[in-house]
Amino acid sequence: MGEGREESEYVFLQGNNLPEAWRAADVFQIGEIGFGTGLNFFVVLERWLESRAETARLRFNSFEKYPIHPDAFEQWVCQRHLKLARTILPAYKKIQPGWNKMVWKEWHVELNLFIGDASAGLESRPFQVDAWFYDGFVPAHNPELWNERIFSALAAHSKSGTTLSTYTASGFVRRGLEEAGFAMQKAKGFGRKRNMLRGVFKA
């Protein structure tokens, strides 16, 4: 997965103190804005299998309006020789608009993938996460994923201590998340990127 994997680990896992944060949890929930190729999920899955407690469970809730076509998704997986990712292919080929639930009982992992508008998905069911991966496309070019409605929805699905990380250091994103209840701070970005944002929800 190369640099993409390294960036995912740096921004989203290290940015949310993972895997340390899930080691003491019976059930750990992650929320992600922007499933894309599934890279973040696969990186998390690898780390989860290496470090989870024997009976712990992982729920990964992700939102994607424009899913990659199954054929392109399969090609991406095969090109990168992602053994774990191949397990998702049969289920991914059947995804439909709305919620899609995929379960791997042997790993105690559940992926809930919402296909459609993230705002609608966030407002469609109750859940609370322990960590947010805010990975929507560049804010300047994708305002539907970076706005007050989304910021408020992230807060509504958070609890005291929920962490959040994102690759962007945009001022309006930082201010919006702070107004929604997150204590945000800049952190060193990945590679040549100067800064990124990390935060904690204060209920």
N, C-alpha and C. Protein backbone atom coordinates (compact mmCIF):
# COMPACT_ATOMS: atom_id res chain seq x y z
N MET A 1 0.83 -1.20 0.00
CA MET A 1 0.00 0.00 0.00
C MET A 1 0.86 1.26 0.00
N GLY A 2 2.16 1.07 0.25
CA GLY A 2 3.10 2.16 0.09
C GLY A 2 2.81 3.37 0.95
N GLU A 3 3.02 4.54 0.33
CA GLU A 3 2.87 5.79 1.06
C GLU A 3 1.45 6.00 1.55
N GLY A 4 0.45 5.52 0.78
CA GLY A 4 -0.93 5.66 1.21
C GLY A 4 -1.17 4.98 2.54
N ARG A 5 -0.60 3.83 2.71
CA ARG A 5 -0.72 3.09 3.97
C ARG A 5 -0.03 3.86 5.10
N GLU A 6 1.16 4.36 4.82
CA GLU A 6 1.91 5.10 5.84
C GLU A 6 1.14 6.35 6.27
N GLU A 7 0.52 7.02 5.32
CA GLU A 7 -0.25 8.22 5.67
C GLU A 7 -1.48 7.84 6.49
N SER A 8 -2.14 6.75 6.12
CA SER A 8 -3.30 6.29 6.87
C SER A 8 -2.91 5.98 8.32
N GLU A 9 -1.80 5.29 8.49
CA GLU A 9 -1.34 4.95 9.84
C GLU A 9 -1.02 6.21 10.64
N TYR A 10 -0.37 7.15 9.99
CA TYR A 10 0.06 8.36 10.69
C TYR A 10 -1.13 9.25 11.05
N VAL A 11 -1.95 9.56 10.05
CA VAL A 11 -3.05 10.51 10.27
C VAL A 11 -4.16 9.91 11.12
N PHE A 12 -4.59 8.70 10.79
CA PHE A 12 -5.80 8.17 11.42
C PHE A 12 -5.55 7.22 12.59
N LEU A 13 -4.57 6.34 12.49
CA LEU A 13 -4.31 5.47 13.64
C LEU A 13 -3.54 6.23 14.73
N GLN A 14 -2.37 6.75 14.39
CA GLN A 14 -1.63 7.51 15.39
C GLN A 14 -2.41 8.74 15.83
N GLY A 15 -3.13 9.34 14.89
CA GLY A 15 -3.92 10.53 15.20
C GLY A 15 -5.03 10.29 16.19
N ASN A 16 -5.43 9.02 16.35
CA ASN A 16 -6.47 8.64 17.31
C ASN A 16 -5.93 7.71 18.41
N ASN A 17 -4.61 7.69 18.56
CA ASN A 17 -3.97 6.86 19.60
C ASN A 17 -4.32 5.38 19.46
N LEU A 18 -4.32 4.91 18.24
CA LEU A 18 -4.59 3.50 17.96
C LEU A 18 -3.30 2.79 17.56
N PRO A 19 -3.14 1.54 17.96
CA PRO A 19 -4.13 0.64 18.57
C PRO A 19 -4.26 0.74 20.09
N GLU A 20 -3.47 1.60 20.74
CA GLU A 20 -3.50 1.67 22.21
C GLU A 20 -4.92 1.85 22.75
N ALA A 21 -5.71 2.72 22.11
CA ALA A 21 -7.02 3.08 22.65
C ALA A 21 -8.00 1.90 22.68
N TRP A 22 -7.83 0.94 21.77
CA TRP A 22 -8.82 -0.16 21.76
C TRP A 22 -8.39 -1.36 22.61
N ARG A 23 -7.19 -1.35 23.12
CA ARG A 23 -6.69 -2.51 23.85
C ARG A 23 -7.47 -2.80 25.13
N ALA A 24 -8.03 -1.77 25.73
CA ALA A 24 -8.77 -1.97 26.98
C ALA A 24 -10.28 -2.01 26.77
N ALA A 25 -10.72 -1.96 25.51
CA ALA A 25 -12.15 -1.88 25.21
C ALA A 25 -12.75 -3.25 24.91
N ASP A 26 -13.97 -3.47 25.38
CA ASP A 26 -14.71 -4.68 25.01
C ASP A 26 -15.28 -4.53 23.60
N VAL A 27 -15.80 -3.33 23.33
CA VAL A 27 -16.30 -2.99 22.00
C VAL A 27 -15.73 -1.63 21.63
N PHE A 28 -15.10 -1.54 20.47
CA PHE A 28 -14.53 -0.27 20.02
C PHE A 28 -15.17 0.10 18.70
N GLN A 29 -15.67 1.35 18.62
CA GLN A 29 -16.34 1.80 17.40
C GLN A 29 -15.56 2.93 16.75
N ILE A 30 -15.38 2.80 15.45
CA ILE A 30 -14.74 3.84 14.64
C ILE A 30 -15.76 4.37 13.65
N GLY A 31 -15.77 5.67 13.45
CA GLY A 31 -16.60 6.30 12.43
C GLY A 31 -15.70 6.92 11.39
N GLU A 32 -16.04 6.76 10.12
CA GLU A 32 -15.20 7.29 9.05
C GLU A 32 -16.05 8.04 8.03
N ILE A 33 -15.62 9.23 7.69
CA ILE A 33 -16.25 9.98 6.60
C ILE A 33 -15.36 9.83 5.38
N GLY A 34 -15.83 9.07 4.39
CA GLY A 34 -15.06 8.84 3.18
C GLY A 34 -14.40 7.47 3.14
N PHE A 35 -15.15 6.44 2.73
CA PHE A 35 -14.61 5.08 2.67
C PHE A 35 -13.61 4.92 1.53
N GLY A 36 -13.90 5.52 0.38
CA GLY A 36 -12.98 5.47 -0.75
C GLY A 36 -12.63 4.05 -1.16
N THR A 37 -11.34 3.75 -1.19
CA THR A 37 -10.86 2.42 -1.56
C THR A 37 -10.91 1.44 -0.39
N GLY A 38 -11.26 1.94 0.79
CA GLY A 38 -11.27 1.07 1.96
C GLY A 38 -9.91 0.98 2.64
N LEU A 39 -8.96 1.78 2.19
CA LEU A 39 -7.59 1.69 2.71
C LEU A 39 -7.54 1.81 4.23
N ASN A 40 -8.21 2.81 4.78
CA ASN A 40 -8.16 2.98 6.24
C ASN A 40 -8.71 1.76 6.97
N PHE A 41 -9.80 1.21 6.44
CA PHE A 41 -10.40 0.03 7.06
C PHE A 41 -9.43 -1.14 7.05
N PHE A 42 -8.75 -1.35 5.93
CA PHE A 42 -7.84 -2.49 5.83
C PHE A 42 -6.62 -2.32 6.74
N VAL A 43 -6.13 -1.10 6.85
CA VAL A 43 -5.01 -0.83 7.76
C VAL A 43 -5.44 -1.09 9.20
N VAL A 44 -6.64 -0.61 9.55
CA VAL A 44 -7.18 -0.86 10.89
C VAL A 44 -7.33 -2.36 11.13
N LEU A 45 -7.86 -3.07 10.14
CA LEU A 45 -8.10 -4.50 10.29
C LEU A 45 -6.80 -5.25 10.59
N GLU A 46 -5.74 -4.90 9.88
CA GLU A 46 -4.45 -5.55 10.13
C GLU A 46 -3.98 -5.30 11.56
N ARG A 47 -4.05 -4.05 11.98
CA ARG A 47 -3.60 -3.69 13.33
C ARG A 47 -4.51 -4.33 14.39
N TRP A 48 -5.79 -4.40 14.09
CA TRP A 48 -6.74 -5.01 15.03
C TRP A 48 -6.39 -6.47 15.28
N LEU A 49 -6.13 -7.20 14.23
CA LEU A 49 -5.84 -8.62 14.37
C LEU A 49 -4.51 -8.87 15.09
N GLU A 50 -3.62 -7.88 15.03
CA GLU A 50 -2.33 -8.00 15.70
C GLU A 50 -2.42 -7.70 17.20
N SER A 51 -3.38 -6.84 17.58
CA SER A 51 -3.31 -6.28 18.93
C SER A 51 -4.58 -6.36 19.78
N ARG A 52 -5.68 -6.85 19.24
CA ARG A 52 -6.94 -6.83 19.99
C ARG A 52 -6.91 -7.82 21.15
N ALA A 53 -7.76 -7.54 22.14
CA ALA A 53 -7.98 -8.51 23.20
C ALA A 53 -8.81 -9.66 22.61
N GLU A 54 -8.69 -10.83 23.18
CA GLU A 54 -9.29 -12.04 22.59
C GLU A 54 -10.79 -11.93 22.35
N THR A 55 -11.51 -11.31 23.28
CA THR A 55 -12.97 -11.23 23.16
C THR A 55 -13.46 -9.87 22.68
N ALA A 56 -12.55 -8.95 22.38
CA ALA A 56 -12.95 -7.60 21.98
C ALA A 56 -13.60 -7.60 20.60
N ARG A 57 -14.48 -6.61 20.39
CA ARG A 57 -15.18 -6.48 19.11
C ARG A 57 -14.95 -5.10 18.52
N LEU A 58 -14.87 -5.06 17.20
CA LEU A 58 -14.66 -3.80 16.48
C LEU A 58 -15.85 -3.53 15.55
N ARG A 59 -16.40 -2.32 15.64
CA ARG A 59 -17.42 -1.88 14.69
C ARG A 59 -16.86 -0.67 13.94
N PHE A 60 -16.86 -0.78 12.63
CA PHE A 60 -16.32 0.28 11.78
C PHE A 60 -17.47 0.80 10.94
N ASN A 61 -17.87 2.05 11.18
CA ASN A 61 -19.00 2.67 10.48
C ASN A 61 -18.46 3.70 9.48
N SER A 62 -18.71 3.50 8.21
CA SER A 62 -18.14 4.38 7.20
C SER A 62 -19.20 4.88 6.22
N PHE A 63 -18.92 6.06 5.65
CA PHE A 63 -19.90 6.72 4.77
C PHE A 63 -19.24 7.09 3.45
N GLU A 64 -19.90 6.73 2.35
CA GLU A 64 -19.34 6.98 1.02
C GLU A 64 -20.48 7.24 0.03
N LYS A 65 -20.48 8.41 -0.57
CA LYS A 65 -21.53 8.75 -1.53
C LYS A 65 -21.25 8.18 -2.92
N TYR A 66 -19.97 8.13 -3.28
CA TYR A 66 -19.60 7.69 -4.62
C TYR A 66 -18.67 6.47 -4.53
N PRO A 67 -19.24 5.29 -4.29
CA PRO A 67 -18.40 4.09 -4.12
C PRO A 67 -17.68 3.70 -5.40
N ILE A 68 -16.51 3.15 -5.25
CA ILE A 68 -15.75 2.64 -6.38
C ILE A 68 -16.49 1.43 -6.96
N HIS A 69 -16.53 1.34 -8.28
CA HIS A 69 -17.18 0.21 -8.93
C HIS A 69 -16.52 -1.09 -8.45
N PRO A 70 -17.30 -2.13 -8.20
CA PRO A 70 -16.74 -3.39 -7.71
C PRO A 70 -15.57 -3.92 -8.53
N ASP A 71 -15.63 -3.78 -9.87
CA ASP A 71 -14.53 -4.28 -10.70
C ASP A 71 -13.25 -3.50 -10.44
N ALA A 72 -13.38 -2.17 -10.32
CA ALA A 72 -12.22 -1.34 -10.03
C ALA A 72 -11.70 -1.60 -8.63
N PHE A 73 -12.62 -1.85 -7.71
CA PHE A 73 -12.24 -2.15 -6.33
C PHE A 73 -11.44 -3.45 -6.28
N GLU A 74 -11.91 -4.46 -6.99
CA GLU A 74 -11.22 -5.75 -7.02
C GLU A 74 -9.83 -5.60 -7.62
N GLN A 75 -9.73 -4.81 -8.70
CA GLN A 75 -8.44 -4.59 -9.34
C GLN A 75 -7.47 -3.90 -8.38
N TRP A 76 -7.98 -2.91 -7.64
CA TRP A 76 -7.15 -2.18 -6.68
C TRP A 76 -6.61 -3.13 -5.61
N VAL A 77 -7.49 -4.01 -5.12
CA VAL A 77 -7.10 -4.97 -4.09
C VAL A 77 -6.04 -5.94 -4.62
N CYS A 78 -6.28 -6.47 -5.82
CA CYS A 78 -5.36 -7.46 -6.39
C CYS A 78 -3.99 -6.86 -6.69
N GLN A 79 -3.97 -5.62 -7.18
CA GLN A 79 -2.71 -4.97 -7.51
C GLN A 79 -1.83 -4.80 -6.28
N ARG A 80 -2.48 -4.65 -5.13
CA ARG A 80 -1.73 -4.40 -3.89
C ARG A 80 -1.57 -5.66 -3.04
N HIS A 81 -2.05 -6.78 -3.56
CA HIS A 81 -1.88 -8.06 -2.87
C HIS A 81 -2.38 -8.00 -1.43
N LEU A 82 -3.54 -7.41 -1.25
CA LEU A 82 -4.10 -7.27 0.09
C LEU A 82 -4.90 -8.52 0.44
N LYS A 83 -4.28 -9.43 1.17
CA LYS A 83 -4.95 -10.69 1.50
C LYS A 83 -6.22 -10.47 2.31
N LEU A 84 -6.13 -9.62 3.33
CA LEU A 84 -7.31 -9.38 4.15
C LEU A 84 -8.41 -8.70 3.36
N ALA A 85 -8.01 -7.82 2.45
CA ALA A 85 -9.00 -7.07 1.67
C ALA A 85 -9.82 -7.99 0.77
N ARG A 86 -9.24 -9.09 0.35
CA ARG A 86 -9.96 -10.01 -0.53
C ARG A 86 -11.21 -10.58 0.15
N THR A 87 -11.20 -10.61 1.46
CA THR A 87 -12.35 -11.16 2.18
C THR A 87 -13.59 -10.29 2.04
N ILE A 88 -13.41 -9.04 1.68
CA ILE A 88 -14.54 -8.13 1.57
C ILE A 88 -15.16 -8.16 0.17
N LEU A 89 -14.44 -8.71 -0.81
CA LEU A 89 -14.89 -8.63 -2.20
C LEU A 89 -16.29 -9.18 -2.44
N PRO A 90 -16.63 -10.38 -1.97
CA PRO A 90 -17.98 -10.90 -2.23
C PRO A 90 -19.08 -9.98 -1.70
N ALA A 91 -18.88 -9.44 -0.50
CA ALA A 91 -19.89 -8.56 0.09
C ALA A 91 -19.90 -7.21 -0.62
N TYR A 92 -18.72 -6.71 -0.98
CA TYR A 92 -18.65 -5.40 -1.63
C TYR A 92 -19.37 -5.40 -2.98
N LYS A 93 -19.31 -6.51 -3.67
CA LYS A 93 -19.96 -6.60 -4.98
C LYS A 93 -21.48 -6.51 -4.87
N LYS A 94 -22.02 -6.68 -3.66
CA LYS A 94 -23.47 -6.65 -3.46
C LYS A 94 -23.95 -5.36 -2.81
N ILE A 95 -23.08 -4.37 -2.64
CA ILE A 95 -23.49 -3.17 -1.93
C ILE A 95 -24.61 -2.44 -2.67
N GLN A 96 -25.50 -1.85 -1.88
CA GLN A 96 -26.64 -1.11 -2.38
C GLN A 96 -26.69 0.24 -1.68
N PRO A 97 -27.47 1.20 -2.21
CA PRO A 97 -27.64 2.46 -1.50
C PRO A 97 -28.18 2.22 -0.09
N GLY A 98 -27.73 3.01 0.85
CA GLY A 98 -28.14 2.83 2.24
C GLY A 98 -27.10 2.04 3.01
N TRP A 99 -27.53 1.43 4.10
CA TRP A 99 -26.62 0.70 4.97
C TRP A 99 -26.32 -0.70 4.45
N ASN A 100 -25.05 -1.08 4.50
CA ASN A 100 -24.60 -2.41 4.12
C ASN A 100 -23.77 -2.97 5.27
N LYS A 101 -24.21 -4.09 5.83
CA LYS A 101 -23.54 -4.67 6.99
C LYS A 101 -22.72 -5.89 6.58
N MET A 102 -21.46 -5.90 6.96
CA MET A 102 -20.57 -7.02 6.67
C MET A 102 -19.94 -7.47 7.98
N VAL A 103 -19.97 -8.76 8.26
CA VAL A 103 -19.49 -9.28 9.54
C VAL A 103 -18.47 -10.39 9.32
N TRP A 104 -17.38 -10.33 10.09
CA TRP A 104 -16.38 -11.39 10.12
C TRP A 104 -16.33 -11.91 11.55
N LYS A 105 -17.10 -12.94 11.83
CA LYS A 105 -17.24 -13.44 13.20
C LYS A 105 -15.91 -13.92 13.78
N GLU A 106 -15.09 -14.52 12.94
CA GLU A 106 -13.83 -15.08 13.45
C GLU A 106 -12.88 -13.99 13.93
N TRP A 107 -13.07 -12.76 13.41
CA TRP A 107 -12.22 -11.64 13.81
C TRP A 107 -12.92 -10.69 14.78
N HIS A 108 -14.22 -10.93 15.02
CA HIS A 108 -15.03 -10.04 15.87
C HIS A 108 -15.07 -8.64 15.27
N VAL A 109 -15.25 -8.59 13.95
CA VAL A 109 -15.26 -7.32 13.22
C VAL A 109 -16.56 -7.15 12.46
N GLU A 110 -17.10 -5.94 12.52
CA GLU A 110 -18.33 -5.59 11.80
C GLU A 110 -18.09 -4.29 11.04
N LEU A 111 -18.34 -4.30 9.74
CA LEU A 111 -18.25 -3.10 8.91
C LEU A 111 -19.65 -2.69 8.50
N ASN A 112 -20.02 -1.48 8.86
CA ASN A 112 -21.30 -0.91 8.45
C ASN A 112 -21.00 0.21 7.47
N LEU A 113 -21.25 -0.04 6.19
CA LEU A 113 -20.91 0.91 5.13
C LEU A 113 -22.18 1.54 4.58
N PHE A 114 -22.29 2.87 4.72
CA PHE A 114 -23.45 3.59 4.21
C PHE A 114 -23.11 4.18 2.85
N ILE A 115 -23.91 3.82 1.84
CA ILE A 115 -23.73 4.36 0.50
C ILE A 115 -24.78 5.44 0.28
N GLY A 116 -24.32 6.66 0.13
CA GLY A 116 -25.24 7.78 -0.03
C GLY A 116 -24.71 9.02 0.67
N ASP A 117 -25.57 10.01 0.81
CA ASP A 117 -25.19 11.26 1.44
C ASP A 117 -24.81 11.03 2.90
N ALA A 118 -23.64 11.49 3.29
CA ALA A 118 -23.16 11.24 4.66
C ALA A 118 -24.07 11.85 5.71
N SER A 119 -24.59 13.04 5.43
CA SER A 119 -25.49 13.68 6.40
C SER A 119 -26.71 12.81 6.66
N ALA A 120 -27.30 12.30 5.59
CA ALA A 120 -28.47 11.44 5.73
C ALA A 120 -28.12 10.16 6.49
N GLY A 121 -26.98 9.59 6.18
CA GLY A 121 -26.56 8.37 6.86
C GLY A 121 -26.32 8.58 8.34
N LEU A 122 -25.66 9.67 8.66
CA LEU A 122 -25.37 9.97 10.06
C LEU A 122 -26.65 10.19 10.86
N GLU A 123 -27.66 10.73 10.21
CA GLU A 123 -28.92 11.03 10.89
C GLU A 123 -29.91 9.87 10.87
N SER A 124 -29.53 8.77 10.23
CA SER A 124 -30.49 7.68 10.02
C SER A 124 -30.51 6.63 11.13
N ARG A 125 -29.48 6.60 11.97
CA ARG A 125 -29.47 5.60 13.05
C ARG A 125 -28.60 6.09 14.20
N PRO A 126 -28.92 5.64 15.42
CA PRO A 126 -28.12 6.05 16.58
C PRO A 126 -26.91 5.15 16.77
N PHE A 127 -25.78 5.74 17.05
CA PHE A 127 -24.58 5.00 17.44
C PHE A 127 -23.58 6.02 18.00
N GLN A 128 -22.65 5.55 18.79
CA GLN A 128 -21.60 6.41 19.33
C GLN A 128 -20.25 5.79 19.04
N VAL A 129 -19.33 6.61 18.58
CA VAL A 129 -18.01 6.08 18.24
C VAL A 129 -16.97 6.52 19.26
N ASP A 130 -15.87 5.80 19.24
CA ASP A 130 -14.72 6.12 20.09
C ASP A 130 -13.69 6.94 19.34
N ALA A 131 -13.71 6.86 18.01
CA ALA A 131 -12.73 7.58 17.20
C ALA A 131 -13.33 7.90 15.83
N TRP A 132 -13.02 9.11 15.34
CA TRP A 132 -13.46 9.54 14.01
C TRP A 132 -12.27 9.65 13.07
N PHE A 133 -12.43 9.08 11.86
CA PHE A 133 -11.50 9.28 10.76
C PHE A 133 -12.21 10.22 9.78
N TYR A 134 -11.80 11.48 9.75
CA TYR A 134 -12.46 12.46 8.87
C TYR A 134 -11.64 12.54 7.60
N ASP A 135 -12.04 11.76 6.60
CA ASP A 135 -11.22 11.57 5.40
C ASP A 135 -11.95 11.94 4.12
N GLY A 136 -12.82 12.94 4.19
CA GLY A 136 -13.51 13.40 2.99
C GLY A 136 -12.55 14.08 2.04
N PHE A 137 -12.95 14.18 0.77
CA PHE A 137 -12.12 14.83 -0.23
C PHE A 137 -11.89 16.29 0.16
N VAL A 138 -10.85 16.90 -0.39
CA VAL A 138 -10.43 18.26 -0.05
C VAL A 138 -11.60 19.20 0.24
N PRO A 139 -11.62 19.86 1.40
CA PRO A 139 -12.76 20.71 1.79
C PRO A 139 -13.17 21.74 0.74
N ALA A 140 -12.21 22.35 0.07
CA ALA A 140 -12.52 23.39 -0.90
C ALA A 140 -13.31 22.85 -2.09
N HIS A 141 -13.17 21.56 -2.37
CA HIS A 141 -13.82 20.95 -3.53
C HIS A 141 -14.98 20.03 -3.16
N ASN A 142 -15.25 19.88 -1.88
CA ASN A 142 -16.30 18.95 -1.46
C ASN A 142 -17.03 19.49 -0.23
N PRO A 143 -17.70 20.63 -0.39
CA PRO A 143 -18.36 21.27 0.76
C PRO A 143 -19.44 20.42 1.41
N GLU A 144 -20.01 19.44 0.70
CA GLU A 144 -21.07 18.63 1.29
C GLU A 144 -20.57 17.73 2.42
N LEU A 145 -19.25 17.54 2.50
CA LEU A 145 -18.70 16.73 3.59
C LEU A 145 -18.01 17.57 4.66
N TRP A 146 -17.97 18.88 4.43
CA TRP A 146 -17.29 19.77 5.38
C TRP A 146 -18.20 20.97 5.65
N ASN A 147 -19.15 20.79 6.54
CA ASN A 147 -20.09 21.87 6.84
C ASN A 147 -20.66 21.68 8.24
N GLU A 148 -21.42 22.66 8.69
CA GLU A 148 -21.94 22.64 10.05
C GLU A 148 -22.83 21.43 10.32
N ARG A 149 -23.59 21.01 9.32
CA ARG A 149 -24.46 19.86 9.51
C ARG A 149 -23.64 18.60 9.82
N ILE A 150 -22.56 18.42 9.08
CA ILE A 150 -21.69 17.26 9.33
C ILE A 150 -20.99 17.39 10.67
N PHE A 151 -20.46 18.58 10.96
CA PHE A 151 -19.77 18.78 12.24
C PHE A 151 -20.69 18.44 13.41
N SER A 152 -21.92 18.91 13.32
CA SER A 152 -22.89 18.66 14.40
C SER A 152 -23.24 17.17 14.49
N ALA A 153 -23.32 16.51 13.33
CA ALA A 153 -23.64 15.08 13.33
C ALA A 153 -22.51 14.26 13.95
N LEU A 154 -21.27 14.67 13.68
CA LEU A 154 -20.14 13.97 14.29
C LEU A 154 -20.21 14.10 15.81
N ALA A 155 -20.54 15.29 16.27
CA ALA A 155 -20.67 15.52 17.71
C ALA A 155 -21.79 14.68 18.30
N ALA A 156 -22.90 14.58 17.57
CA ALA A 156 -24.06 13.83 18.07
C ALA A 156 -23.75 12.35 18.23
N HIS A 157 -22.78 11.86 17.47
CA HIS A 157 -22.40 10.44 17.54
C HIS A 157 -21.11 10.24 18.33
N SER A 158 -20.77 11.24 19.15
CA SER A 158 -19.56 11.16 19.97
C SER A 158 -19.93 11.15 21.45
N LYS A 159 -18.97 10.81 22.27
CA LYS A 159 -19.13 10.84 23.73
C LYS A 159 -17.89 11.51 24.30
N SER A 160 -17.92 11.80 25.58
CA SER A 160 -16.77 12.44 26.20
C SER A 160 -15.52 11.59 25.98
N GLY A 161 -14.50 12.18 25.37
CA GLY A 161 -13.27 11.45 25.11
C GLY A 161 -13.14 10.89 23.72
N THR A 162 -14.21 10.96 22.91
CA THR A 162 -14.11 10.51 21.52
C THR A 162 -13.05 11.34 20.81
N THR A 163 -12.15 10.68 20.09
CA THR A 163 -11.09 11.39 19.38
C THR A 163 -11.45 11.57 17.91
N LEU A 164 -10.78 12.51 17.26
CA LEU A 164 -11.01 12.79 15.84
C LEU A 164 -9.69 13.22 15.22
N SER A 165 -9.44 12.76 14.01
CA SER A 165 -8.27 13.23 13.27
C SER A 165 -8.63 13.40 11.81
N THR A 166 -7.95 14.34 11.16
CA THR A 166 -8.16 14.59 9.74
C THR A 166 -6.88 15.15 9.15
N TYR A 167 -6.66 14.89 7.87
CA TYR A 167 -5.44 15.34 7.21
C TYR A 167 -5.42 16.85 6.98
N THR A 168 -6.61 17.50 6.97
CA THR A 168 -6.66 18.92 6.68
C THR A 168 -6.38 19.74 7.93
N ALA A 169 -5.88 20.96 7.71
CA ALA A 169 -5.69 21.91 8.81
C ALA A 169 -6.49 23.17 8.54
N SER A 170 -7.51 23.04 7.70
CA SER A 170 -8.34 24.18 7.30
C SER A 170 -8.90 24.91 8.52
N GLY A 171 -8.81 26.23 8.48
CA GLY A 171 -9.29 27.04 9.58
C GLY A 171 -10.78 26.90 9.82
N PHE A 172 -11.57 26.86 8.74
CA PHE A 172 -13.02 26.79 8.94
C PHE A 172 -13.43 25.41 9.46
N VAL A 173 -12.67 24.38 9.10
CA VAL A 173 -12.95 23.04 9.63
C VAL A 173 -12.64 23.01 11.13
N ARG A 174 -11.52 23.57 11.50
CA ARG A 174 -11.16 23.62 12.91
C ARG A 174 -12.20 24.39 13.72
N ARG A 175 -12.58 25.55 13.23
CA ARG A 175 -13.57 26.37 13.96
C ARG A 175 -14.91 25.67 14.04
N GLY A 176 -15.32 25.03 12.94
CA GLY A 176 -16.61 24.35 12.92
C GLY A 176 -16.67 23.19 13.90
N LEU A 177 -15.59 22.43 13.97
CA LEU A 177 -15.54 21.31 14.90
C LEU A 177 -15.49 21.80 16.34
N GLU A 178 -14.79 22.90 16.57
CA GLU A 178 -14.74 23.46 17.92
C GLU A 178 -16.12 23.95 18.35
N GLU A 179 -16.85 24.57 17.45
CA GLU A 179 -18.20 25.03 17.77
C GLU A 179 -19.13 23.85 18.04
N ALA A 180 -18.84 22.71 17.44
CA ALA A 180 -19.66 21.51 17.64
C ALA A 180 -19.32 20.80 18.95
N GLY A 181 -18.21 21.18 19.59
CA GLY A 181 -17.88 20.58 20.87
C GLY A 181 -16.55 19.85 20.96
N PHE A 182 -15.77 19.88 19.87
CA PHE A 182 -14.47 19.24 19.89
C PHE A 182 -13.37 20.23 20.28
N ALA A 183 -12.44 19.79 21.10
CA ALA A 183 -11.26 20.58 21.41
C ALA A 183 -10.20 20.20 20.37
N MET A 184 -9.92 21.12 19.44
CA MET A 184 -9.06 20.81 18.31
C MET A 184 -7.68 21.44 18.46
N GLN A 185 -6.70 20.78 17.85
CA GLN A 185 -5.36 21.35 17.82
C GLN A 185 -4.65 20.92 16.54
N LYS A 186 -3.73 21.75 16.10
CA LYS A 186 -2.92 21.41 14.94
C LYS A 186 -1.83 20.43 15.36
N ALA A 187 -1.49 19.55 14.43
CA ALA A 187 -0.39 18.62 14.65
C ALA A 187 0.43 18.58 13.36
N LYS A 188 1.62 18.05 13.43
CA LYS A 188 2.46 17.96 12.24
C LYS A 188 1.81 17.04 11.22
N GLY A 189 1.74 17.50 9.98
CA GLY A 189 1.14 16.71 8.93
C GLY A 189 2.05 15.59 8.46
N PHE A 190 1.50 14.73 7.61
CA PHE A 190 2.27 13.61 7.08
C PHE A 190 3.14 14.06 5.92
N GLY A 191 4.38 13.59 5.89
CA GLY A 191 5.27 13.88 4.78
C GLY A 191 5.47 15.37 4.57
N ARG A 192 5.14 15.83 3.37
CA ARG A 192 5.35 17.24 3.05
C ARG A 192 4.20 18.14 3.50
N LYS A 193 3.16 17.52 4.01
CA LYS A 193 2.03 18.32 4.48
C LYS A 193 2.40 18.98 5.81
N ARG A 194 2.20 20.26 5.86
CA ARG A 194 2.67 21.03 7.01
C ARG A 194 1.93 20.68 8.31
N ASN A 195 0.60 20.69 8.23
CA ASN A 195 -0.20 20.47 9.43
C ASN A 195 -1.39 19.56 9.17
N MET A 196 -1.95 19.03 10.24
CA MET A 196 -3.21 18.29 10.21
C MET A 196 -3.95 18.67 11.49
N LEU A 197 -5.14 18.11 11.69
CA LEU A 197 -5.91 18.42 12.89
C LEU A 197 -6.19 17.15 13.70
N ARG A 198 -6.11 17.31 15.02
CA ARG A 198 -6.51 16.25 15.95
C ARG A 198 -7.42 16.88 16.99
N GLY A 199 -8.34 16.09 17.52
CA GLY A 199 -9.24 16.66 18.52
C GLY A 199 -9.84 15.61 19.44
N VAL A 200 -10.48 16.12 20.49
CA VAL A 200 -11.18 15.28 21.46
C VAL A 200 -12.52 15.93 21.75
N PHE A 201 -13.58 15.12 21.79
CA PHE A 201 -14.91 15.65 22.07
C PHE A 201 -15.09 15.86 23.57
N LYS A 202 -15.60 17.03 23.90
CA LYS A 202 -15.86 17.38 25.30
C LYS A 202 -17.36 17.43 25.51
N ALA A 203 -17.94 16.39 26.08
CA ALA A 203 -19.39 16.34 26.26
C ALA A 203 -19.83 17.33 27.33
